[in-house]
Amino acid sequence: MTNPTLPNTSPERLWHADNLRLTAFPSPATQFNATGQWAQIVGQAPDSQTIQTSKSIIEEIGKFANGRLQLLAQPVRIDWNYGLGGLMDQDPPPTNSELPFTVALRSFLQVAERWLPVGPSLRRLAFGAILTRPVQSRIEGYREMAHYLENVVRLDPEGSSDFLYQINRPRQLTDEPRIKINRLSKWSVGQVQFTQVAVNPGIRPYITLGDPILSMRLELDINTDADYHGDLPQMHLADLFRRLTNEGMEIAEQGDVP
């Protein structure tokens, strides 16, 4: 199967990063305290910290590299999320704000490569992303998407609506560690309208903020397979995460290819 020929295929030019995610699933035997981890990795205190002692949940949020960075640590899962303001149900991002994918990923990899060597032992590791590209209309969005999916889907941009394409393309990593990974991608075109909920009497309950944003949307979840036995090798975690992000970059550049 040949790769699709795409116009202007640089993901930095095409894709904006709404959210980038590192998800780590600790080994059941691991005892790990995430308190203060945000400051240790970033080098300054977060803007906010929430600790739910009864549920062993820690959340730390702060400004990082032209966006916002969140650490959410739970007993069975730890997430680092990075994106523009509004990432963690705060204020929505500024109108027409953009965070180019490759620029955002470069910053996010700094967090991953600092944290993974000092974090807990892991059973699984994942890279997730929500990428968008603004378009002028649904038809334009479908035409763009058709280029990325032309080897697997025959899409009629003018005569189609409510189209959603989702697939997993597993791969075997042949280098050490030898691990099977899942490569999930979800493609769609949709509209986002930010709203603000008013709680004061006499005010409209919902206030729209800015114009609606129509965009082509790509959601990625690149993760190590659940059937891998034992802990992932600690010394290879940072390299493994980079390889997961490379798989995501390939999908963003080339579309859905095996």
C-alpha atoms as a PDB file:
ATOM      1  CA  MET A   1       0.000   0.000   0.000  1.00  0.00           C
ATOM      2  CA  THR A   2       1.411   3.404  -0.931  1.00  0.00           C
ATOM      3  CA  ASN A   3       1.298   6.361   1.396  1.00  0.00           C
ATOM      4  CA  PRO A   4      -1.179   9.140   0.522  1.00  0.00           C
ATOM      5  CA  THR A   5       0.199  12.247  -1.135  1.00  0.00           C
ATOM      6  CA  LEU A   6      -0.843  15.197   1.004  1.00  0.00           C
ATOM      7  CA  PRO A   7      -0.597  18.912   0.336  1.00  0.00           C
ATOM      8  CA  ASN A   8       1.510  20.784   2.920  1.00  0.00           C
ATOM      9  CA  THR A   9       2.026  17.688   5.046  1.00  0.00           C
ATOM     10  CA  SER A  10       4.112  19.291   7.791  1.00  0.00           C
ATOM     11  CA  PRO A  11       2.114  18.624  10.990  1.00  0.00           C
ATOM     12  CA  GLU A  12       3.446  21.881  12.435  1.00  0.00           C
ATOM     13  CA  ARG A  13       1.689  23.702   9.609  1.00  0.00           C
ATOM     14  CA  LEU A  14      -1.468  21.603   9.563  1.00  0.00           C
ATOM     15  CA  TRP A  15      -2.219  20.462  13.094  1.00  0.00           C
ATOM     16  CA  HIS A  16      -2.802  22.396  16.292  1.00  0.00           C
ATOM     17  CA  ALA A  17      -2.493  20.603  19.622  1.00  0.00           C
ATOM     18  CA  ASP A  18      -5.593  21.015  21.763  1.00  0.00           C
ATOM     19  CA  ASN A  19      -4.245  18.492  24.252  1.00  0.00           C
ATOM     20  CA  LEU A  20      -1.244  16.187  24.618  1.00  0.00           C
ATOM     21  CA  ARG A  21      -1.305  13.401  27.193  1.00  0.00           C
ATOM     22  CA  LEU A  22       1.090  10.996  28.869  1.00  0.00           C
ATOM     23  CA  THR A  23      -0.728   8.214  30.696  1.00  0.00           C
ATOM     24  CA  ALA A  24       1.156   5.844  32.978  1.00  0.00           C
ATOM     25  CA  PHE A  25      -0.271   2.748  34.647  1.00  0.00           C
ATOM     26  CA  PRO A  26       1.888   1.947  37.701  1.00  0.00           C
ATOM     27  CA  SER A  27       2.790  -1.560  38.758  1.00  0.00           C
ATOM     28  CA  PRO A  28       0.358  -2.758  41.476  1.00  0.00           C
ATOM     29  CA  ALA A  29       3.248  -3.186  43.914  1.00  0.00           C
ATOM     30  CA  THR A  30       4.491   0.374  43.436  1.00  0.00           C
ATOM     31  CA  GLN A  31       4.353   2.848  46.301  1.00  0.00           C
ATOM     32  CA  PHE A  32       4.564   6.293  44.727  1.00  0.00           C
ATOM     33  CA  ASN A  33       3.810   9.747  46.126  1.00  0.00           C
ATOM     34  CA  ALA A  34       3.157  12.334  43.408  1.00  0.00           C
ATOM     35  CA  THR A  35       3.029  15.315  45.785  1.00  0.00           C
ATOM     36  CA  GLY A  36       5.461  17.951  44.571  1.00  0.00           C
ATOM     37  CA  GLN A  37       6.175  16.157  41.290  1.00  0.00           C
ATOM     38  CA  TRP A  38       4.939  19.071  39.161  1.00  0.00           C
ATOM     39  CA  ALA A  39       7.387  21.479  40.804  1.00  0.00           C
ATOM     40  CA  GLN A  40      10.218  18.947  40.612  1.00  0.00           C
ATOM     41  CA  ILE A  41       9.775  18.463  36.871  1.00  0.00           C
ATOM     42  CA  VAL A  42       8.952  22.048  35.862  1.00  0.00           C
ATOM     43  CA  GLY A  43      11.247  23.815  38.308  1.00  0.00           C
ATOM     44  CA  GLN A  44       8.645  26.080  39.889  1.00  0.00           C
ATOM     45  CA  ALA A  45       5.524  25.722  41.991  1.00  0.00           C
ATOM     46  CA  PRO A  46       2.186  24.995  40.280  1.00  0.00           C
ATOM     47  CA  ASP A  47      -0.606  27.541  40.297  1.00  0.00           C
ATOM     48  CA  SER A  48      -2.914  25.177  42.145  1.00  0.00           C
ATOM     49  CA  GLN A  49      -2.817  21.902  44.027  1.00  0.00           C
ATOM     50  CA  THR A  50      -5.761  19.714  45.048  1.00  0.00           C
ATOM     51  CA  ILE A  51      -5.370  16.678  47.307  1.00  0.00           C
ATOM     52  CA  GLN A  52      -8.224  14.245  47.961  1.00  0.00           C
ATOM     53  CA  THR A  53      -6.762  12.240  50.806  1.00  0.00           C
ATOM     54  CA  SER A  54      -9.633   9.766  51.064  1.00  0.00           C
ATOM     55  CA  LYS A  55      -9.243   8.780  47.388  1.00  0.00           C
ATOM     56  CA  SER A  56      -5.444   9.205  47.184  1.00  0.00           C
ATOM     57  CA  ILE A  57      -5.839  11.685  44.295  1.00  0.00           C
ATOM     58  CA  ILE A  58      -3.410  14.544  43.691  1.00  0.00           C
ATOM     59  CA  GLU A  59      -3.906  17.227  41.048  1.00  0.00           C
ATOM     60  CA  GLU A  60      -1.385  19.982  40.282  1.00  0.00           C
ATOM     61  CA  ILE A  61      -1.864  22.601  37.545  1.00  0.00           C
ATOM     62  CA  GLY A  62       0.259  25.467  36.327  1.00  0.00           C
ATOM     63  CA  LYS A  63       1.538  27.478  33.380  1.00  0.00           C
ATOM     64  CA  PHE A  64       4.098  25.781  31.163  1.00  0.00           C
ATOM     65  CA  ALA A  65       5.578  26.616  27.739  1.00  0.00           C
ATOM     66  CA  ASN A  66       2.792  28.916  26.466  1.00  0.00           C
ATOM     67  CA  GLY A  67       0.101  26.581  27.774  1.00  0.00           C
ATOM     68  CA  ARG A  68      -1.090  24.801  30.888  1.00  0.00           C
ATOM     69  CA  LEU A  69       0.262  21.595  32.359  1.00  0.00           C
ATOM     70  CA  GLN A  70      -1.712  19.272  34.604  1.00  0.00           C
ATOM     71  CA  LEU A  71      -0.527  16.349  36.722  1.00  0.00           C
ATOM     72  CA  LEU A  72      -3.383  14.102  37.838  1.00  0.00           C
ATOM     73  CA  ALA A  73      -2.208  11.175  39.954  1.00  0.00           C
ATOM     74  CA  GLN A  74      -4.580   8.397  41.031  1.00  0.00           C
ATOM     75  CA  PRO A  75      -3.698   5.017  42.560  1.00  0.00           C
ATOM     76  CA  VAL A  76      -4.101   3.094  39.287  1.00  0.00           C
ATOM     77  CA  ARG A  77      -3.312   5.816  36.744  1.00  0.00           C
ATOM     78  CA  ILE A  78      -1.150   8.918  36.383  1.00  0.00           C
ATOM     79  CA  ASP A  79      -1.804  11.519  33.672  1.00  0.00           C
ATOM     80  CA  TRP A  80       0.210  14.483  32.471  1.00  0.00           C
ATOM     81  CA  ASN A  81      -1.891  16.766  30.239  1.00  0.00           C
ATOM     82  CA  TYR A  82      -0.616  19.764  28.297  1.00  0.00           C
ATOM     83  CA  GLY A  83      -2.488  22.265  26.166  1.00  0.00           C
ATOM     84  CA  LEU A  84      -3.835  25.790  25.960  1.00  0.00           C
ATOM     85  CA  GLY A  85      -5.866  27.438  28.689  1.00  0.00           C
ATOM     86  CA  GLY A  86      -9.182  25.615  29.146  1.00  0.00           C
ATOM     87  CA  LEU A  87      -7.402  22.269  29.200  1.00  0.00           C
ATOM     88  CA  MET A  88      -8.652  21.404  32.662  1.00  0.00           C
ATOM     89  CA  ASP A  89     -12.113  23.038  32.649  1.00  0.00           C
ATOM     90  CA  GLN A  90     -10.601  26.430  33.367  1.00  0.00           C
ATOM     91  CA  ASP A  91     -11.360  29.459  31.186  1.00  0.00           C
ATOM     92  CA  PRO A  92     -11.568  28.590  27.481  1.00  0.00           C
ATOM     93  CA  PRO A  93      -8.489  29.286  25.345  1.00  0.00           C
ATOM     94  CA  PRO A  94      -8.197  32.756  23.799  1.00  0.00           C
ATOM     95  CA  THR A  95     -10.012  33.239  20.506  1.00  0.00           C
ATOM     96  CA  ASN A  96      -7.950  32.129  17.504  1.00  0.00           C
ATOM     97  CA  SER A  97      -5.188  30.819  19.763  1.00  0.00           C
ATOM     98  CA  GLU A  98      -2.950  28.156  18.265  1.00  0.00           C
ATOM     99  CA  LEU A  99      -0.418  25.685  19.633  1.00  0.00           C
ATOM    100  CA  PRO A 100       1.351  23.978  16.700  1.00  0.00           C
ATOM    101  CA  PHE A 101       1.593  20.225  17.201  1.00  0.00           C
ATOM    102  CA  THR A 102       5.338  19.788  16.783  1.00  0.00           C
ATOM    103  CA  VAL A 103       6.090  22.857  18.922  1.00  0.00           C
ATOM    104  CA  ALA A 104       3.829  21.565  21.691  1.00  0.00           C
ATOM    105  CA  LEU A 105       5.239  18.056  21.419  1.00  0.00           C
ATOM    106  CA  ARG A 106       8.813  19.323  21.739  1.00  0.00           C
ATOM    107  CA  SER A 107       7.923  21.004  25.037  1.00  0.00           C
ATOM    108  CA  PHE A 108       5.874  18.055  26.267  1.00  0.00           C
ATOM    109  CA  LEU A 109       8.696  15.609  25.613  1.00  0.00           C
ATOM    110  CA  GLN A 110      10.826  17.591  28.043  1.00  0.00           C
ATOM    111  CA  VAL A 111       8.295  16.812  30.766  1.00  0.00           C
ATOM    112  CA  ALA A 112       8.133  13.126  29.826  1.00  0.00           C
ATOM    113  CA  GLU A 113      11.889  12.673  29.646  1.00  0.00           C
ATOM    114  CA  ARG A 114      12.401  14.318  33.040  1.00  0.00           C
ATOM    115  CA  TRP A 115       9.612  12.447  34.795  1.00  0.00           C
ATOM    116  CA  LEU A 116       9.697   8.876  33.472  1.00  0.00           C
ATOM    117  CA  PRO A 117      13.171   8.017  34.832  1.00  0.00           C
ATOM    118  CA  VAL A 118      12.167   9.142  38.348  1.00  0.00           C
ATOM    119  CA  GLY A 119       8.532   8.014  38.252  1.00  0.00           C
ATOM    120  CA  PRO A 120       7.044   4.710  39.388  1.00  0.00           C
ATOM    121  CA  SER A 121       7.508   1.293  37.805  1.00  0.00           C
ATOM    122  CA  LEU A 122       4.953   0.931  35.008  1.00  0.00           C
ATOM    123  CA  ARG A 123       2.896  -1.842  33.479  1.00  0.00           C
ATOM    124  CA  ARG A 124       1.666   0.265  30.562  1.00  0.00           C
ATOM    125  CA  LEU A 125       2.446   3.605  28.935  1.00  0.00           C
ATOM    126  CA  ALA A 126       0.427   5.711  26.495  1.00  0.00           C
ATOM    127  CA  PHE A 127       0.652   8.860  24.402  1.00  0.00           C
ATOM    128  CA  GLY A 128      -2.594  10.622  23.615  1.00  0.00           C
ATOM    129  CA  ALA A 129      -3.364  13.728  21.586  1.00  0.00           C
ATOM    130  CA  ILE A 130      -6.284  15.797  20.380  1.00  0.00           C
ATOM    131  CA  LEU A 131      -5.245  17.628  17.211  1.00  0.00           C
ATOM    132  CA  THR A 132      -7.334  20.049  15.185  1.00  0.00           C
ATOM    133  CA  ARG A 133      -7.074  21.981  11.932  1.00  0.00           C
ATOM    134  CA  PRO A 134      -9.498  24.877  11.381  1.00  0.00           C
ATOM    135  CA  VAL A 135     -11.574  24.658   8.185  1.00  0.00           C
ATOM    136  CA  GLN A 136     -14.112  26.985   6.595  1.00  0.00           C
ATOM    137  CA  SER A 137     -16.840  24.407   6.050  1.00  0.00           C
ATOM    138  CA  ARG A 138     -17.808  20.775   6.570  1.00  0.00           C
ATOM    139  CA  ILE A 139     -17.140  20.076   2.891  1.00  0.00           C
ATOM    140  CA  GLU A 140     -13.641  21.557   3.107  1.00  0.00           C
ATOM    141  CA  GLY A 141     -12.992  19.470   6.220  1.00  0.00           C
ATOM    142  CA  TYR A 142     -14.125  16.280   4.496  1.00  0.00           C
ATOM    143  CA  ARG A 143     -11.992  17.056   1.463  1.00  0.00           C
ATOM    144  CA  GLU A 144      -8.931  17.441   3.687  1.00  0.00           C
ATOM    145  CA  MET A 145      -9.777  14.268   5.579  1.00  0.00           C
ATOM    146  CA  ALA A 146     -10.251  12.337   2.345  1.00  0.00           C
ATOM    147  CA  HIS A 147      -6.549  12.845   1.566  1.00  0.00           C
ATOM    148  CA  TYR A 148      -5.549  11.248   4.865  1.00  0.00           C
ATOM    149  CA  LEU A 149      -7.932   8.308   4.436  1.00  0.00           C
ATOM    150  CA  GLU A 150      -7.829   7.823   0.671  1.00  0.00           C
ATOM    151  CA  ASN A 151      -6.270   4.342   0.878  1.00  0.00           C
ATOM    152  CA  VAL A 152      -8.941   2.985   3.226  1.00  0.00           C
ATOM    153  CA  VAL A 153     -12.144   5.022   2.792  1.00  0.00           C
ATOM    154  CA  ARG A 154     -13.913   6.482  -0.225  1.00  0.00           C
ATOM    155  CA  LEU A 155     -15.407   9.675   1.148  1.00  0.00           C
ATOM    156  CA  ASP A 156     -17.911  11.875  -0.690  1.00  0.00           C
ATOM    157  CA  PRO A 157     -17.315  15.366   0.787  1.00  0.00           C
ATOM    158  CA  GLU A 158     -20.352  17.026  -0.827  1.00  0.00           C
ATOM    159  CA  GLY A 159     -22.818  14.221  -0.190  1.00  0.00           C
ATOM    160  CA  SER A 160     -21.784  13.126   3.326  1.00  0.00           C
ATOM    161  CA  SER A 161     -22.409  14.294   6.877  1.00  0.00           C
ATOM    162  CA  ASP A 162     -21.863  12.999  10.433  1.00  0.00           C
ATOM    163  CA  PHE A 163     -18.815  11.049   9.281  1.00  0.00           C
ATOM    164  CA  LEU A 164     -16.603   9.414  11.929  1.00  0.00           C
ATOM    165  CA  TYR A 165     -13.711   7.049  11.214  1.00  0.00           C
ATOM    166  CA  GLN A 166     -11.928   5.133  13.972  1.00  0.00           C
ATOM    167  CA  ILE A 167      -9.383   2.332  13.747  1.00  0.00           C
ATOM    168  CA  ASN A 168      -6.593   0.571  15.638  1.00  0.00           C
ATOM    169  CA  ARG A 169      -3.445  -0.351  13.683  1.00  0.00           C
ATOM    170  CA  PRO A 170      -1.313  -2.432  16.106  1.00  0.00           C
ATOM    171  CA  ARG A 171       2.422  -2.693  15.531  1.00  0.00           C
ATOM    172  CA  GLN A 172       5.260  -4.708  16.992  1.00  0.00           C
ATOM    173  CA  LEU A 173       8.262  -2.716  18.157  1.00  0.00           C
ATOM    174  CA  THR A 174      11.203  -4.807  16.981  1.00  0.00           C
ATOM    175  CA  ASP A 175      13.914  -3.126  19.045  1.00  0.00           C
ATOM    176  CA  GLU A 176      14.394  -3.592  22.771  1.00  0.00           C
ATOM    177  CA  PRO A 177      12.071  -3.666  24.542  1.00  0.00           C
ATOM    178  CA  ARG A 178      10.082  -5.880  22.157  1.00  0.00           C
ATOM    179  CA  ILE A 179       6.536  -4.665  22.775  1.00  0.00           C
ATOM    180  CA  LYS A 180       3.319  -4.642  20.816  1.00  0.00           C
ATOM    181  CA  ILE A 181       1.665  -1.232  20.667  1.00  0.00           C
ATOM    182  CA  ASN A 182      -1.858  -0.150  19.772  1.00  0.00           C
ATOM    183  CA  ARG A 183      -2.221   2.784  17.366  1.00  0.00           C
ATOM    184  CA  LEU A 184      -5.754   4.152  17.714  1.00  0.00           C
ATOM    185  CA  SER A 185      -6.856   7.097  15.608  1.00  0.00           C
ATOM    186  CA  LYS A 186     -10.249   8.784  15.322  1.00  0.00           C
ATOM    187  CA  TRP A 187     -11.044  11.225  12.512  1.00  0.00           C
ATOM    188  CA  SER A 188     -13.963  13.665  12.343  1.00  0.00           C
ATOM    189  CA  VAL A 189     -15.051  17.196  11.454  1.00  0.00           C
ATOM    190  CA  GLY A 190     -16.930  19.152  14.076  1.00  0.00           C
ATOM    191  CA  GLN A 191     -17.800  22.544  15.508  1.00  0.00           C
ATOM    192  CA  VAL A 192     -16.853  23.893  18.924  1.00  0.00           C
ATOM    193  CA  GLN A 193     -18.655  26.773  20.631  1.00  0.00           C
ATOM    194  CA  PHE A 194     -17.404  27.904  24.032  1.00  0.00           C
ATOM    195  CA  THR A 195     -20.077  28.892  26.542  1.00  0.00           C
ATOM    196  CA  GLN A 196     -20.057  30.323  30.042  1.00  0.00           C
ATOM    197  CA  VAL A 197     -22.641  29.270  32.601  1.00  0.00           C
ATOM    198  CA  ALA A 198     -24.111  32.177  34.579  1.00  0.00           C
ATOM    199  CA  VAL A 199     -25.258  31.495  38.134  1.00  0.00           C
ATOM    200  CA  ASN A 200     -26.603  34.968  38.998  1.00  0.00           C
ATOM    201  CA  PRO A 201     -30.402  35.488  38.905  1.00  0.00           C
ATOM    202  CA  GLY A 202     -31.682  37.494  35.962  1.00  0.00           C
ATOM    203  CA  ILE A 203     -28.762  36.595  33.688  1.00  0.00           C
ATOM    204  CA  ARG A 204     -29.081  34.246  30.735  1.00  0.00           C
ATOM    205  CA  PRO A 205     -27.927  30.807  31.952  1.00  0.00           C
ATOM    206  CA  TYR A 206     -25.565  30.337  29.000  1.00  0.00           C
ATOM    207  CA  ILE A 207     -23.410  33.036  27.403  1.00  0.00           C
ATOM    208  CA  THR A 208     -21.516  32.233  24.201  1.00  0.00           C
ATOM    209  CA  LEU A 209     -17.860  33.232  24.046  1.00  0.00           C
ATOM    210  CA  GLY A 210     -16.480  34.008  20.598  1.00  0.00           C
ATOM    211  CA  ASP A 211     -17.472  32.601  17.233  1.00  0.00           C
ATOM    212  CA  PRO A 212     -17.995  28.877  16.575  1.00  0.00           C
ATOM    213  CA  ILE A 213     -14.836  27.074  15.464  1.00  0.00           C
ATOM    214  CA  LEU A 214     -15.170  24.432  12.735  1.00  0.00           C
ATOM    215  CA  SER A 215     -12.227  22.068  12.446  1.00  0.00           C
ATOM    216  CA  MET A 216     -10.964  18.728  11.260  1.00  0.00           C
ATOM    217  CA  ARG A 217     -10.179  16.666  14.354  1.00  0.00           C
ATOM    218  CA  LEU A 218      -7.745  13.822  14.947  1.00  0.00           C
ATOM    219  CA  GLU A 219      -7.675  11.954  18.257  1.00  0.00           C
ATOM    220  CA  LEU A 220      -4.729   9.663  18.960  1.00  0.00           C
ATOM    221  CA  ASP A 221      -4.162   7.007  21.597  1.00  0.00           C
ATOM    222  CA  ILE A 222      -0.848   5.189  21.106  1.00  0.00           C
ATOM    223  CA  ASN A 223      -0.321   2.709  23.924  1.00  0.00           C
ATOM    224  CA  THR A 224       1.615  -0.377  24.949  1.00  0.00           C
ATOM    225  CA  ASP A 225      -0.475  -3.523  24.772  1.00  0.00           C
ATOM    226  CA  ALA A 226      -2.204  -4.821  27.907  1.00  0.00           C
ATOM    227  CA  ASP A 227      -0.931  -8.351  27.227  1.00  0.00           C
ATOM    228  CA  TYR A 228       2.674  -7.374  27.981  1.00  0.00           C
ATOM    229  CA  HIS A 229       3.716  -9.263  31.128  1.00  0.00           C
ATOM    230  CA  GLY A 230       5.712  -7.661  33.904  1.00  0.00           C
ATOM    231  CA  ASP A 231       6.945  -4.109  34.282  1.00  0.00           C
ATOM    232  CA  LEU A 232       8.227  -2.050  31.395  1.00  0.00           C
ATOM    233  CA  PRO A 233      12.007  -1.604  31.667  1.00  0.00           C
ATOM    234  CA  GLN A 234      12.545   1.609  33.628  1.00  0.00           C
ATOM    235  CA  MET A 235      15.710   2.596  31.795  1.00  0.00           C
ATOM    236  CA  HIS A 236      13.874   2.501  28.446  1.00  0.00           C
ATOM    237  CA  LEU A 237      10.688   4.371  29.441  1.00  0.00           C
ATOM    238  CA  ALA A 238      11.690   7.786  28.085  1.00  0.00           C
ATOM    239  CA  ASP A 239      12.838   6.265  24.798  1.00  0.00           C
ATOM    240  CA  LEU A 240       9.676   4.163  24.603  1.00  0.00           C
ATOM    241  CA  PHE A 241       7.471   7.227  25.071  1.00  0.00           C
ATOM    242  CA  ARG A 242       9.342   9.061  22.329  1.00  0.00           C
ATOM    243  CA  ARG A 243       8.710   6.113  20.028  1.00  0.00           C
ATOM    244  CA  LEU A 244       4.996   6.267  20.861  1.00  0.00           C
ATOM    245  CA  THR A 245       4.968   9.960  19.936  1.00  0.00           C
ATOM    246  CA  ASN A 246       6.778   9.159  16.673  1.00  0.00           C
ATOM    247  CA  GLU A 247       3.945   6.773  15.803  1.00  0.00           C
ATOM    248  CA  GLY A 248       1.467   9.550  16.483  1.00  0.00           C
ATOM    249  CA  MET A 249       3.471  11.942  14.333  1.00  0.00           C
ATOM    250  CA  GLU A 250       3.432   9.417  11.489  1.00  0.00           C
ATOM    251  CA  ILE A 251      -0.354   9.200  11.590  1.00  0.00           C
ATOM    252  CA  ALA A 252      -0.659  13.010  11.658  1.00  0.00           C
ATOM    253  CA  GLU A 253       1.621  13.256   8.616  1.00  0.00           C
ATOM    254  CA  GLN A 254       0.576  10.258   6.510  1.00  0.00           C
ATOM    255  CA  GLY A 255      -2.972   9.465   7.592  1.00  0.00           C
ATOM    256  CA  ASP A 256      -4.238   5.956   8.269  1.00  0.00           C
ATOM    257  CA  VAL A 257      -1.589   3.536   7.028  1.00  0.00           C
ATOM    258  CA  PRO A 258      -0.687   0.079   8.418  1.00  0.00           C
END
